[in-house]
Amino acid sequence: MSLDRPLVTIRDLDLRAATSRGEAHILKGIDLDIPNGCILGVVGESGSGKSSLANALIRLLPGNITRISGEIRLGDTNLLALDEAGIQALRGTRLAMIFQDPMTALNPLFSVERHLVDVVRRRWPGIAHAEAVRRAEAAIKAVGIADAALRLKSHPSNLSGGMRQRVLIAMALLAEPDLLIADEPTTALDATIEAQIIALLKDLRSRLSGSILFISHHLGLVAQLCERICVMYGGTIVEIGDSRTIMAAPAHPYTRALVACMIDGADAAGDQPLAFIPGEVPDPVKPVDGCIFAPRCAYVVGVCREARPDLRDFGATRQAACHRLEEIA
């Protein structure tokens, strides 16, 4: 499968962490390309490794990490080889992140203006304060917050959840990063605000020259926003490809199960029981010899329990990790 040279190249990314029950294998040999100018969605159940992947990209990892290996290349720069000063220099310039919870991501002691002006002055050192404030106000207007001058003087506690999330998006807009990571930015929002945030992210993509990595457990939302989808399960990638192909004809049994669990208008109005995936997500402390999805898979055979399938080409624009792709597709 050939794509233009990607903005980010991840190869053999492995992440392990210490727990009270032993060492947990969080990410297992991740290979992933993030194309230039693309919104790539990463989807999967809680515990699949989505947020760990995001945190590894920006090197914001907890203190219990025991090992991180492989390569994460932003252009020609291996992010894992940088020292702390080197990665800090990229945060807020070439890399930016919208976090799940804007209340904890924003400093309650600082005004909205202080948050945004600090981003501008970090991105463009030496810029005049008045110009930084002007850009901050323009960014607040761009994300749909009314009374921008008044809101700049507000503190996070004075704003609703949707407005705080808009402030984080405005900060990303001001940073103009090569890669914007959005880690489940709509999780705590109601459906109306969620739709507005998705519209803002679509608009933001048109304003940025780089790419967006959008992380969610909501497959329908990812399909609505993203050109490409990466499906994760148990710290591995099980399928990746363009959104239309995956939604129309999912190849991996796990992706099929996720699509089957989506609720449409007819499902909500009828009396049919909701679909679900039987079993539990794998325990990262317990090693797995075969396919990570085998214990929950409807298509499992002997080889699935014995050997881990490689992520391989399946068509021109898709890859999947399943021993039986040609049989079940």
C-alpha atoms as a PDB file:
ATOM      1  CA  MET A   1       0.000   0.000   0.000  1.00  0.00           C
ATOM      2  CA  SER A   2       1.601   3.265  -1.075  1.00  0.00           C
ATOM      3  CA  LEU A   3       0.777   6.697   0.285  1.00  0.00           C
ATOM      4  CA  ASP A   4       2.602  10.009  -0.034  1.00  0.00           C
ATOM      5  CA  ARG A   5       5.363  10.526   2.499  1.00  0.00           C
ATOM      6  CA  PRO A   6       3.564  10.742   5.853  1.00  0.00           C
ATOM      7  CA  LEU A   7       3.892  13.571   8.367  1.00  0.00           C
ATOM      8  CA  VAL A   8       4.444  11.067  11.196  1.00  0.00           C
ATOM      9  CA  THR A   9       5.900   7.570  10.923  1.00  0.00           C
ATOM     10  CA  ILE A  10       5.618   5.183  13.866  1.00  0.00           C
ATOM     11  CA  ARG A  11       7.562   1.939  13.754  1.00  0.00           C
ATOM     12  CA  ASP A  12       7.618  -0.948  16.259  1.00  0.00           C
ATOM     13  CA  LEU A  13       6.405   1.259  19.124  1.00  0.00           C
ATOM     14  CA  ASP A  14       6.436  -0.742  22.341  1.00  0.00           C
ATOM     15  CA  LEU A  15       5.262   0.610  25.705  1.00  0.00           C
ATOM     16  CA  ARG A  16       5.315  -1.140  29.083  1.00  0.00           C
ATOM     17  CA  ALA A  17       4.371   0.042  32.564  1.00  0.00           C
ATOM     18  CA  ALA A  18       4.776  -1.200  36.136  1.00  0.00           C
ATOM     19  CA  THR A  19       1.585  -2.077  38.036  1.00  0.00           C
ATOM     20  CA  SER A  20       0.809  -3.663  41.402  1.00  0.00           C
ATOM     21  CA  ARG A  21       0.073  -6.928  39.522  1.00  0.00           C
ATOM     22  CA  GLY A  22       3.219  -6.921  37.387  1.00  0.00           C
ATOM     23  CA  GLU A  23       4.431  -5.295  34.189  1.00  0.00           C
ATOM     24  CA  ALA A  24       1.676  -4.297  31.776  1.00  0.00           C
ATOM     25  CA  HIS A  25       2.300  -4.429  28.019  1.00  0.00           C
ATOM     26  CA  ILE A  26       0.393  -1.320  26.902  1.00  0.00           C
ATOM     27  CA  LEU A  27       1.424  -0.960  23.237  1.00  0.00           C
ATOM     28  CA  LYS A  28       2.711  -3.918  21.242  1.00  0.00           C
ATOM     29  CA  GLY A  29       4.795  -3.193  18.158  1.00  0.00           C
ATOM     30  CA  ILE A  30       2.684  -0.361  16.709  1.00  0.00           C
ATOM     31  CA  ASP A  31       3.340   0.524  13.047  1.00  0.00           C
ATOM     32  CA  LEU A  32       1.359   3.553  11.877  1.00  0.00           C
ATOM     33  CA  ASP A  33       1.649   6.385   9.347  1.00  0.00           C
ATOM     34  CA  ILE A  34      -0.170   9.694   9.784  1.00  0.00           C
ATOM     35  CA  PRO A  35      -0.533  11.241   6.313  1.00  0.00           C
ATOM     36  CA  ASN A  36       0.003  14.943   5.653  1.00  0.00           C
ATOM     37  CA  GLY A  37      -3.139  17.078   5.695  1.00  0.00           C
ATOM     38  CA  CYS A  38      -5.304  14.208   6.965  1.00  0.00           C
ATOM     39  CA  ILE A  39      -7.631  13.599   9.891  1.00  0.00           C
ATOM     40  CA  LEU A  40      -6.796  10.096  11.102  1.00  0.00           C
ATOM     41  CA  GLY A  41      -9.220   8.575  13.582  1.00  0.00           C
ATOM     42  CA  VAL A  42      -8.113   6.050  16.201  1.00  0.00           C
ATOM     43  CA  VAL A  43     -10.980   3.992  17.590  1.00  0.00           C
ATOM     44  CA  GLY A  44     -11.408   1.103  20.010  1.00  0.00           C
ATOM     45  CA  GLU A  45     -12.833   0.126  23.373  1.00  0.00           C
ATOM     46  CA  SER A  46     -11.500   1.577  26.620  1.00  0.00           C
ATOM     47  CA  GLY A  47      -8.178  -0.097  27.359  1.00  0.00           C
ATOM     48  CA  SER A  48      -7.229  -0.574  23.714  1.00  0.00           C
ATOM     49  CA  GLY A  49      -4.222   1.767  23.962  1.00  0.00           C
ATOM     50  CA  LYS A  50      -5.609   4.835  22.161  1.00  0.00           C
ATOM     51  CA  SER A  51      -4.698   7.434  24.784  1.00  0.00           C
ATOM     52  CA  SER A  52      -1.364   5.741  25.482  1.00  0.00           C
ATOM     53  CA  LEU A  53      -0.533   6.118  21.794  1.00  0.00           C
ATOM     54  CA  ALA A  54      -1.438   9.816  21.946  1.00  0.00           C
ATOM     55  CA  ASN A  55       0.619  10.379  25.085  1.00  0.00           C
ATOM     56  CA  ALA A  56       3.588   8.566  23.564  1.00  0.00           C
ATOM     57  CA  LEU A  57       3.422  10.840  20.518  1.00  0.00           C
ATOM     58  CA  ILE A  58       3.704  13.980  22.616  1.00  0.00           C
ATOM     59  CA  ARG A  59       5.860  12.284  25.311  1.00  0.00           C
ATOM     60  CA  LEU A  60       3.477  12.978  28.192  1.00  0.00           C
ATOM     61  CA  LEU A  61       3.708   9.599  29.899  1.00  0.00           C
ATOM     62  CA  PRO A  62       3.119   8.602  33.536  1.00  0.00           C
ATOM     63  CA  GLY A  63       6.009   7.892  35.878  1.00  0.00           C
ATOM     64  CA  ASN A  64       5.376   4.134  36.013  1.00  0.00           C
ATOM     65  CA  ILE A  65       6.514   3.548  32.411  1.00  0.00           C
ATOM     66  CA  THR A  66       9.264   0.938  32.439  1.00  0.00           C
ATOM     67  CA  ARG A  67      10.033   0.788  28.731  1.00  0.00           C
ATOM     68  CA  ILE A  68       9.347   2.712  25.564  1.00  0.00           C
ATOM     69  CA  SER A  69      11.085   1.640  22.388  1.00  0.00           C
ATOM     70  CA  GLY A  70      10.779   1.937  18.619  1.00  0.00           C
ATOM     71  CA  GLU A  71      10.583   5.108  16.552  1.00  0.00           C
ATOM     72  CA  ILE A  72       8.163   8.013  16.255  1.00  0.00           C
ATOM     73  CA  ARG A  73       9.356  10.260  13.450  1.00  0.00           C
ATOM     74  CA  LEU A  74       7.919  13.714  12.857  1.00  0.00           C
ATOM     75  CA  GLY A  75       9.484  14.397   9.487  1.00  0.00           C
ATOM     76  CA  ASP A  76      13.129  13.536  10.026  1.00  0.00           C
ATOM     77  CA  THR A  77      13.035  13.912  13.826  1.00  0.00           C
ATOM     78  CA  ASN A  78      12.771  10.834  16.043  1.00  0.00           C
ATOM     79  CA  LEU A  79      10.685  12.104  18.953  1.00  0.00           C
ATOM     80  CA  LEU A  80      11.748   9.228  21.209  1.00  0.00           C
ATOM     81  CA  ALA A  81      15.409  10.179  20.807  1.00  0.00           C
ATOM     82  CA  LEU A  82      14.905  13.771  22.004  1.00  0.00           C
ATOM     83  CA  ASP A  83      15.845  14.849  25.509  1.00  0.00           C
ATOM     84  CA  GLU A  84      13.290  16.686  27.657  1.00  0.00           C
ATOM     85  CA  ALA A  85      14.352  20.113  26.376  1.00  0.00           C
ATOM     86  CA  GLY A  86      14.055  18.903  22.799  1.00  0.00           C
ATOM     87  CA  ILE A  87      10.509  17.550  23.152  1.00  0.00           C
ATOM     88  CA  GLN A  88       9.407  20.608  25.142  1.00  0.00           C
ATOM     89  CA  ALA A  89      10.544  22.801  22.271  1.00  0.00           C
ATOM     90  CA  LEU A  90       8.127  20.951  19.956  1.00  0.00           C
ATOM     91  CA  ARG A  91       5.106  21.058  22.284  1.00  0.00           C
ATOM     92  CA  GLY A  92       3.003  24.105  21.499  1.00  0.00           C
ATOM     93  CA  THR A  93       4.856  24.652  18.223  1.00  0.00           C
ATOM     94  CA  ARG A  94       4.924  21.558  15.986  1.00  0.00           C
ATOM     95  CA  LEU A  95       2.869  19.400  18.365  1.00  0.00           C
ATOM     96  CA  ALA A  96      -0.330  20.309  20.207  1.00  0.00           C
ATOM     97  CA  MET A  97      -3.001  18.377  22.083  1.00  0.00           C
ATOM     98  CA  ILE A  98      -6.667  18.825  22.966  1.00  0.00           C
ATOM     99  CA  PHE A  99      -7.257  16.827  26.132  1.00  0.00           C
ATOM    100  CA  GLN A 100     -10.366  14.902  27.212  1.00  0.00           C
ATOM    101  CA  ASP A 101     -11.172  17.071  30.215  1.00  0.00           C
ATOM    102  CA  PRO A 102     -10.821  20.804  29.602  1.00  0.00           C
ATOM    103  CA  MET A 103     -11.390  21.582  33.285  1.00  0.00           C
ATOM    104  CA  THR A 104      -8.182  19.811  34.287  1.00  0.00           C
ATOM    105  CA  ALA A 105      -6.294  20.867  31.129  1.00  0.00           C
ATOM    106  CA  LEU A 106      -6.862  24.569  31.864  1.00  0.00           C
ATOM    107  CA  ASN A 107      -5.289  26.298  34.859  1.00  0.00           C
ATOM    108  CA  PRO A 108      -8.133  27.542  37.107  1.00  0.00           C
ATOM    109  CA  LEU A 109      -5.972  30.445  38.331  1.00  0.00           C
ATOM    110  CA  PHE A 110      -5.416  31.893  34.850  1.00  0.00           C
ATOM    111  CA  SER A 111      -7.869  33.799  32.691  1.00  0.00           C
ATOM    112  CA  VAL A 112      -8.769  32.651  29.183  1.00  0.00           C
ATOM    113  CA  GLU A 113      -6.689  35.546  27.868  1.00  0.00           C
ATOM    114  CA  ARG A 114      -3.624  34.395  29.806  1.00  0.00           C
ATOM    115  CA  HIS A 115      -3.961  30.862  28.412  1.00  0.00           C
ATOM    116  CA  LEU A 116      -4.241  32.029  24.812  1.00  0.00           C
ATOM    117  CA  VAL A 117      -1.662  34.794  24.991  1.00  0.00           C
ATOM    118  CA  ASP A 118       0.880  32.382  26.473  1.00  0.00           C
ATOM    119  CA  VAL A 119       0.336  30.058  23.481  1.00  0.00           C
ATOM    120  CA  VAL A 120       0.855  32.922  21.018  1.00  0.00           C
ATOM    121  CA  ARG A 121       3.996  34.186  22.732  1.00  0.00           C
ATOM    122  CA  ARG A 122       5.448  30.680  22.937  1.00  0.00           C
ATOM    123  CA  ARG A 123       4.764  30.102  19.255  1.00  0.00           C
ATOM    124  CA  TRP A 124       6.089  33.515  18.213  1.00  0.00           C
ATOM    125  CA  PRO A 125       8.591  34.761  20.827  1.00  0.00           C
ATOM    126  CA  GLY A 126       8.991  38.519  20.803  1.00  0.00           C
ATOM    127  CA  ILE A 127       5.489  39.300  19.552  1.00  0.00           C
ATOM    128  CA  ALA A 128       3.972  42.423  21.134  1.00  0.00           C
ATOM    129  CA  HIS A 129       1.479  41.791  23.929  1.00  0.00           C
ATOM    130  CA  ALA A 130      -1.237  43.822  22.212  1.00  0.00           C
ATOM    131  CA  GLU A 131      -0.876  41.759  19.025  1.00  0.00           C
ATOM    132  CA  ALA A 132      -0.997  38.538  21.038  1.00  0.00           C
ATOM    133  CA  VAL A 133      -4.256  39.672  22.659  1.00  0.00           C
ATOM    134  CA  ARG A 134      -5.667  40.595  19.249  1.00  0.00           C
ATOM    135  CA  ARG A 135      -4.885  37.105  17.926  1.00  0.00           C
ATOM    136  CA  ALA A 136      -6.355  35.517  21.052  1.00  0.00           C
ATOM    137  CA  GLU A 137      -9.614  37.421  20.597  1.00  0.00           C
ATOM    138  CA  ALA A 138      -9.759  36.450  16.916  1.00  0.00           C
ATOM    139  CA  ALA A 139      -9.247  32.786  17.849  1.00  0.00           C
ATOM    140  CA  ILE A 140     -12.062  32.940  20.422  1.00  0.00           C
ATOM    141  CA  LYS A 141     -14.380  34.351  17.769  1.00  0.00           C
ATOM    142  CA  ALA A 142     -13.255  31.709  15.274  1.00  0.00           C
ATOM    143  CA  VAL A 143     -14.387  28.881  17.568  1.00  0.00           C
ATOM    144  CA  GLY A 144     -17.839  30.389  18.006  1.00  0.00           C
ATOM    145  CA  ILE A 145     -17.625  32.000  21.453  1.00  0.00           C
ATOM    146  CA  ALA A 146     -19.747  35.144  21.631  1.00  0.00           C
ATOM    147  CA  ASP A 147     -18.642  38.294  23.492  1.00  0.00           C
ATOM    148  CA  ALA A 148     -15.008  37.415  22.877  1.00  0.00           C
ATOM    149  CA  ALA A 149     -13.557  40.424  24.736  1.00  0.00           C
ATOM    150  CA  LEU A 150     -15.612  39.565  27.816  1.00  0.00           C
ATOM    151  CA  ARG A 151     -14.788  35.850  27.677  1.00  0.00           C
ATOM    152  CA  LEU A 152     -11.074  36.571  27.500  1.00  0.00           C
ATOM    153  CA  LYS A 153     -11.325  38.013  31.021  1.00  0.00           C
ATOM    154  CA  SER A 154     -13.197  34.932  32.310  1.00  0.00           C
ATOM    155  CA  HIS A 155     -11.635  32.038  34.193  1.00  0.00           C
ATOM    156  CA  PRO A 156     -12.298  28.370  33.285  1.00  0.00           C
ATOM    157  CA  SER A 157     -14.705  27.942  36.202  1.00  0.00           C
ATOM    158  CA  ASN A 158     -16.942  30.634  34.687  1.00  0.00           C
ATOM    159  CA  LEU A 159     -17.367  28.705  31.425  1.00  0.00           C
ATOM    160  CA  SER A 160     -19.499  25.732  30.432  1.00  0.00           C
ATOM    161  CA  GLY A 161     -17.885  22.445  29.398  1.00  0.00           C
ATOM    162  CA  GLY A 162     -18.511  23.176  25.739  1.00  0.00           C
ATOM    163  CA  MET A 163     -16.975  26.633  26.007  1.00  0.00           C
ATOM    164  CA  ARG A 164     -13.923  25.299  27.819  1.00  0.00           C
ATOM    165  CA  GLN A 165     -13.445  22.754  25.043  1.00  0.00           C
ATOM    166  CA  ARG A 166     -13.685  25.583  22.521  1.00  0.00           C
ATOM    167  CA  VAL A 167     -10.958  27.424  24.410  1.00  0.00           C
ATOM    168  CA  LEU A 168      -8.677  24.384  24.043  1.00  0.00           C
ATOM    169  CA  ILE A 169      -9.444  24.281  20.325  1.00  0.00           C
ATOM    170  CA  ALA A 170      -8.678  28.005  20.081  1.00  0.00           C
ATOM    171  CA  MET A 171      -5.308  27.332  21.727  1.00  0.00           C
ATOM    172  CA  ALA A 172      -4.606  24.648  19.124  1.00  0.00           C
ATOM    173  CA  LEU A 173      -5.627  27.047  16.371  1.00  0.00           C
ATOM    174  CA  LEU A 174      -3.186  29.658  17.669  1.00  0.00           C
ATOM    175  CA  ALA A 175      -0.324  27.152  17.925  1.00  0.00           C
ATOM    176  CA  GLU A 176      -0.693  26.157  14.240  1.00  0.00           C
ATOM    177  CA  PRO A 177       0.941  22.751  14.901  1.00  0.00           C
ATOM    178  CA  ASP A 178       2.085  20.246  12.316  1.00  0.00           C
ATOM    179  CA  LEU A 179       0.270  17.569  14.322  1.00  0.00           C
ATOM    180  CA  LEU A 180      -2.792  18.200  16.467  1.00  0.00           C
ATOM    181  CA  ILE A 181      -3.793  15.344  18.784  1.00  0.00           C
ATOM    182  CA  ALA A 182      -7.426  15.388  19.933  1.00  0.00           C
ATOM    183  CA  ASP A 183      -7.851  12.820  22.713  1.00  0.00           C
ATOM    184  CA  GLU A 184     -11.598  12.101  23.024  1.00  0.00           C
ATOM    185  CA  PRO A 185     -12.416  15.833  23.134  1.00  0.00           C
ATOM    186  CA  THR A 186     -16.196  15.281  23.114  1.00  0.00           C
ATOM    187  CA  THR A 187     -16.450  12.565  25.798  1.00  0.00           C
ATOM    188  CA  ALA A 188     -18.110  14.714  28.490  1.00  0.00           C
ATOM    189  CA  LEU A 189     -20.288  16.793  26.161  1.00  0.00           C
ATOM    190  CA  ASP A 190     -23.933  16.375  25.223  1.00  0.00           C
ATOM    191  CA  ALA A 191     -24.911  15.484  21.649  1.00  0.00           C
ATOM    192  CA  THR A 192     -25.600  19.069  20.536  1.00  0.00           C
ATOM    193  CA  ILE A 193     -22.271  20.410  21.808  1.00  0.00           C
ATOM    194  CA  GLU A 194     -20.505  17.323  20.423  1.00  0.00           C
ATOM    195  CA  ALA A 195     -21.833  18.107  16.948  1.00  0.00           C
ATOM    196  CA  GLN A 196     -20.616  21.691  17.270  1.00  0.00           C
ATOM    197  CA  ILE A 197     -17.142  20.582  18.360  1.00  0.00           C
ATOM    198  CA  ILE A 198     -16.912  18.158  15.424  1.00  0.00           C
ATOM    199  CA  ALA A 199     -17.860  20.989  13.052  1.00  0.00           C
ATOM    200  CA  LEU A 200     -15.140  23.133  14.647  1.00  0.00           C
ATOM    201  CA  LEU A 201     -12.538  20.406  14.181  1.00  0.00           C
ATOM    202  CA  LYS A 202     -13.488  20.074  10.516  1.00  0.00           C
ATOM    203  CA  ASP A 203     -13.079  23.817  10.131  1.00  0.00           C
ATOM    204  CA  LEU A 204      -9.821  23.749  12.080  1.00  0.00           C
ATOM    205  CA  ARG A 205      -8.379  21.216   9.668  1.00  0.00           C
ATOM    206  CA  SER A 206      -8.929  23.687   6.820  1.00  0.00           C
ATOM    207  CA  ARG A 207      -6.992  26.314   8.792  1.00  0.00           C
ATOM    208  CA  LEU A 208      -4.024  24.050   9.561  1.00  0.00           C
ATOM    209  CA  SER A 209      -1.413  22.852   7.097  1.00  0.00           C
ATOM    210  CA  GLY A 210      -0.692  19.731   9.135  1.00  0.00           C
ATOM    211  CA  SER A 211      -2.662  16.708  10.338  1.00  0.00           C
ATOM    212  CA  ILE A 212      -5.078  15.803  13.122  1.00  0.00           C
ATOM    213  CA  LEU A 213      -5.048  12.568  15.124  1.00  0.00           C
ATOM    214  CA  PHE A 214      -8.570  12.173  16.507  1.00  0.00           C
ATOM    215  CA  ILE A 215      -9.043   9.580  19.248  1.00  0.00           C
ATOM    216  CA  SER A 216     -12.458   8.238  20.232  1.00  0.00           C
ATOM    217  CA  HIS A 217     -14.352   5.115  21.311  1.00  0.00           C
ATOM    218  CA  HIS A 218     -17.240   6.261  19.072  1.00  0.00           C
ATOM    219  CA  LEU A 219     -16.809   4.656  15.643  1.00  0.00           C
ATOM    220  CA  GLY A 220     -19.678   6.596  14.053  1.00  0.00           C
ATOM    221  CA  LEU A 221     -18.181   9.897  15.163  1.00  0.00           C
ATOM    222  CA  VAL A 222     -14.768   8.925  13.794  1.00  0.00           C
ATOM    223  CA  ALA A 223     -16.304   7.914  10.450  1.00  0.00           C
ATOM    224  CA  GLN A 224     -18.101  11.262  10.257  1.00  0.00           C
ATOM    225  CA  LEU A 225     -14.967  13.329  10.851  1.00  0.00           C
ATOM    226  CA  CYS A 226     -11.979  11.351   9.577  1.00  0.00           C
ATOM    227  CA  GLU A 227     -10.693  10.338   6.148  1.00  0.00           C
ATOM    228  CA  ARG A 228      -8.847   7.342   7.553  1.00  0.00           C
ATOM    229  CA  ILE A 229      -9.562   5.051  10.507  1.00  0.00           C
ATOM    230  CA  CYS A 230      -7.144   3.077  12.683  1.00  0.00           C
ATOM    231  CA  VAL A 231      -8.830   0.385  14.794  1.00  0.00           C
ATOM    232  CA  MET A 232      -6.962  -0.605  17.973  1.00  0.00           C
ATOM    233  CA  TYR A 233      -7.521  -3.554  20.266  1.00  0.00           C
ATOM    234  CA  GLY A 234      -5.448  -4.714  23.226  1.00  0.00           C
ATOM    235  CA  GLY A 235      -2.524  -2.405  22.449  1.00  0.00           C
ATOM    236  CA  THR A 236      -2.304  -3.461  18.786  1.00  0.00           C
ATOM    237  CA  ILE A 237      -3.613  -2.160  15.464  1.00  0.00           C
ATOM    238  CA  VAL A 238      -6.034  -4.652  13.948  1.00  0.00           C
ATOM    239  CA  GLU A 239      -7.191  -2.647  10.914  1.00  0.00           C
ATOM    240  CA  ILE A 240      -6.411   0.637   9.191  1.00  0.00           C
ATOM    241  CA  GLY A 241      -7.752   2.143   5.987  1.00  0.00           C
ATOM    242  CA  ASP A 242      -9.937   4.817   4.446  1.00  0.00           C
ATOM    243  CA  SER A 243     -13.150   5.482   6.345  1.00  0.00           C
ATOM    244  CA  ARG A 244     -15.612   4.633   3.588  1.00  0.00           C
ATOM    245  CA  THR A 245     -14.077   1.237   2.912  1.00  0.00           C
ATOM    246  CA  ILE A 246     -13.911   0.264   6.568  1.00  0.00           C
ATOM    247  CA  MET A 247     -17.457   1.373   7.329  1.00  0.00           C
ATOM    248  CA  ALA A 248     -18.904  -0.258   4.205  1.00  0.00           C
ATOM    249  CA  ALA A 249     -16.985  -3.541   4.447  1.00  0.00           C
ATOM    250  CA  PRO A 250     -15.008  -4.000   7.676  1.00  0.00           C
ATOM    251  CA  ALA A 251     -12.388  -6.724   7.263  1.00  0.00           C
ATOM    252  CA  HIS A 252     -11.206  -7.589  10.773  1.00  0.00           C
ATOM    253  CA  PRO A 253     -13.665  -9.453  13.038  1.00  0.00           C
ATOM    254  CA  TYR A 254     -13.221  -6.816  15.756  1.00  0.00           C
ATOM    255  CA  THR A 255     -14.018  -3.982  13.352  1.00  0.00           C
ATOM    256  CA  ARG A 256     -17.054  -5.939  12.184  1.00  0.00           C
ATOM    257  CA  ALA A 257     -18.193  -6.270  15.784  1.00  0.00           C
ATOM    258  CA  LEU A 258     -17.753  -2.535  16.418  1.00  0.00           C
ATOM    259  CA  VAL A 259     -19.772  -1.656  13.311  1.00  0.00           C
ATOM    260  CA  ALA A 260     -22.490  -4.115  14.345  1.00  0.00           C
ATOM    261  CA  CYS A 261     -22.743  -2.402  17.738  1.00  0.00           C
ATOM    262  CA  MET A 262     -23.458   1.007  16.234  1.00  0.00           C
ATOM    263  CA  ILE A 263     -26.930   2.345  16.955  1.00  0.00           C
ATOM    264  CA  ASP A 264     -28.878   3.990  14.148  1.00  0.00           C
ATOM    265  CA  GLY A 265     -32.332   5.580  14.190  1.00  0.00           C
ATOM    266  CA  ALA A 266     -34.133   2.313  13.429  1.00  0.00           C
ATOM    267  CA  ASP A 267     -32.343   0.492  16.254  1.00  0.00           C
ATOM    268  CA  ALA A 268     -33.204   3.221  18.740  1.00  0.00           C
ATOM    269  CA  ALA A 269     -36.884   3.147  17.812  1.00  0.00           C
ATOM    270  CA  GLY A 270     -37.324  -0.642  17.672  1.00  0.00           C
ATOM    271  CA  ASP A 271     -37.537  -3.424  20.206  1.00  0.00           C
ATOM    272  CA  GLN A 272     -34.436  -5.310  19.048  1.00  0.00           C
ATOM    273  CA  PRO A 273     -31.828  -5.956  21.768  1.00  0.00           C
ATOM    274  CA  LEU A 274     -28.657  -3.937  21.464  1.00  0.00           C
ATOM    275  CA  ALA A 275     -25.674  -5.744  19.959  1.00  0.00           C
ATOM    276  CA  PHE A 276     -22.569  -6.204  22.101  1.00  0.00           C
ATOM    277  CA  ILE A 277     -19.189  -7.922  21.932  1.00  0.00           C
ATOM    278  CA  PRO A 278     -19.111 -10.852  24.376  1.00  0.00           C
ATOM    279  CA  GLY A 279     -16.155 -11.294  26.688  1.00  0.00           C
ATOM    280  CA  GLU A 280     -13.749  -8.751  28.131  1.00  0.00           C
ATOM    281  CA  VAL A 281     -10.858  -6.683  26.828  1.00  0.00           C
ATOM    282  CA  PRO A 282      -7.495  -8.430  27.341  1.00  0.00           C
ATOM    283  CA  ASP A 283      -5.549  -7.930  30.545  1.00  0.00           C
ATOM    284  CA  PRO A 284      -2.291  -6.133  29.588  1.00  0.00           C
ATOM    285  CA  VAL A 285      -0.448  -7.904  32.409  1.00  0.00           C
ATOM    286  CA  LYS A 286      -1.145 -11.359  30.961  1.00  0.00           C
ATOM    287  CA  PRO A 287       0.924 -12.331  27.873  1.00  0.00           C
ATOM    288  CA  VAL A 288      -0.908 -13.523  24.753  1.00  0.00           C
ATOM    289  CA  ASP A 289       0.698 -15.940  22.294  1.00  0.00           C
ATOM    290  CA  GLY A 290      -1.827 -15.828  19.460  1.00  0.00           C
ATOM    291  CA  CYS A 291      -4.256 -13.261  18.098  1.00  0.00           C
ATOM    292  CA  ILE A 292      -5.192 -10.738  20.784  1.00  0.00           C
ATOM    293  CA  PHE A 293      -8.863 -10.900  19.746  1.00  0.00           C
ATOM    294  CA  ALA A 294      -9.103 -14.711  19.582  1.00  0.00           C
ATOM    295  CA  PRO A 295     -10.935 -15.181  22.934  1.00  0.00           C
ATOM    296  CA  ARG A 296     -13.834 -12.997  21.707  1.00  0.00           C
ATOM    297  CA  CYS A 297     -13.765 -13.761  17.979  1.00  0.00           C
ATOM    298  CA  ALA A 298     -16.604 -15.544  16.175  1.00  0.00           C
ATOM    299  CA  TYR A 299     -14.202 -16.762  13.451  1.00  0.00           C
ATOM    300  CA  VAL A 300     -11.460 -18.228  15.658  1.00  0.00           C
ATOM    301  CA  VAL A 301      -9.631 -21.400  14.559  1.00  0.00           C
ATOM    302  CA  GLY A 302      -6.569 -23.188  15.875  1.00  0.00           C
ATOM    303  CA  VAL A 303      -3.918 -20.981  14.268  1.00  0.00           C
ATOM    304  CA  CYS A 304      -5.518 -17.900  15.817  1.00  0.00           C
ATOM    305  CA  ARG A 305      -4.616 -19.138  19.307  1.00  0.00           C
ATOM    306  CA  GLU A 306      -1.084 -20.116  18.333  1.00  0.00           C
ATOM    307  CA  ALA A 307       0.388 -17.261  16.262  1.00  0.00           C
ATOM    308  CA  ARG A 308      -0.060 -13.502  16.272  1.00  0.00           C
ATOM    309  CA  PRO A 309      -1.212 -12.304  12.823  1.00  0.00           C
ATOM    310  CA  ASP A 310       0.802  -9.579  11.107  1.00  0.00           C
ATOM    311  CA  LEU A 311      -0.763  -6.334   9.950  1.00  0.00           C
ATOM    312  CA  ARG A 312      -0.781  -6.848   6.169  1.00  0.00           C
ATOM    313  CA  ASP A 313      -2.137  -5.278   3.006  1.00  0.00           C
ATOM    314  CA  PHE A 314      -5.728  -6.141   2.173  1.00  0.00           C
ATOM    315  CA  GLY A 315      -6.634  -4.210  -0.932  1.00  0.00           C
ATOM    316  CA  ALA A 316      -5.092  -0.987  -2.202  1.00  0.00           C
ATOM    317  CA  THR A 317      -5.817   1.297   0.769  1.00  0.00           C
ATOM    318  CA  ARG A 318      -6.234  -0.971   3.766  1.00  0.00           C
ATOM    319  CA  GLN A 319      -4.294  -3.218   6.130  1.00  0.00           C
ATOM    320  CA  ALA A 320      -5.633  -5.704   8.652  1.00  0.00           C
ATOM    321  CA  ALA A 321      -4.244  -8.265  11.102  1.00  0.00           C
ATOM    322  CA  CYS A 322      -6.202 -11.518  10.755  1.00  0.00           C
ATOM    323  CA  HIS A 323      -5.167 -15.000   9.658  1.00  0.00           C
ATOM    324  CA  ARG A 324      -8.503 -15.538   7.867  1.00  0.00           C
ATOM    325  CA  LEU A 325      -8.994 -12.268   5.990  1.00  0.00           C
ATOM    326  CA  GLU A 326      -9.469 -13.850   2.579  1.00  0.00           C
ATOM    327  CA  GLU A 327     -11.929 -16.431   3.954  1.00  0.00           C
ATOM    328  CA  ILE A 328     -14.231 -14.180   5.954  1.00  0.00           C
ATOM    329  CA  ALA A 329     -14.112 -10.907   3.995  1.00  0.00           C
END
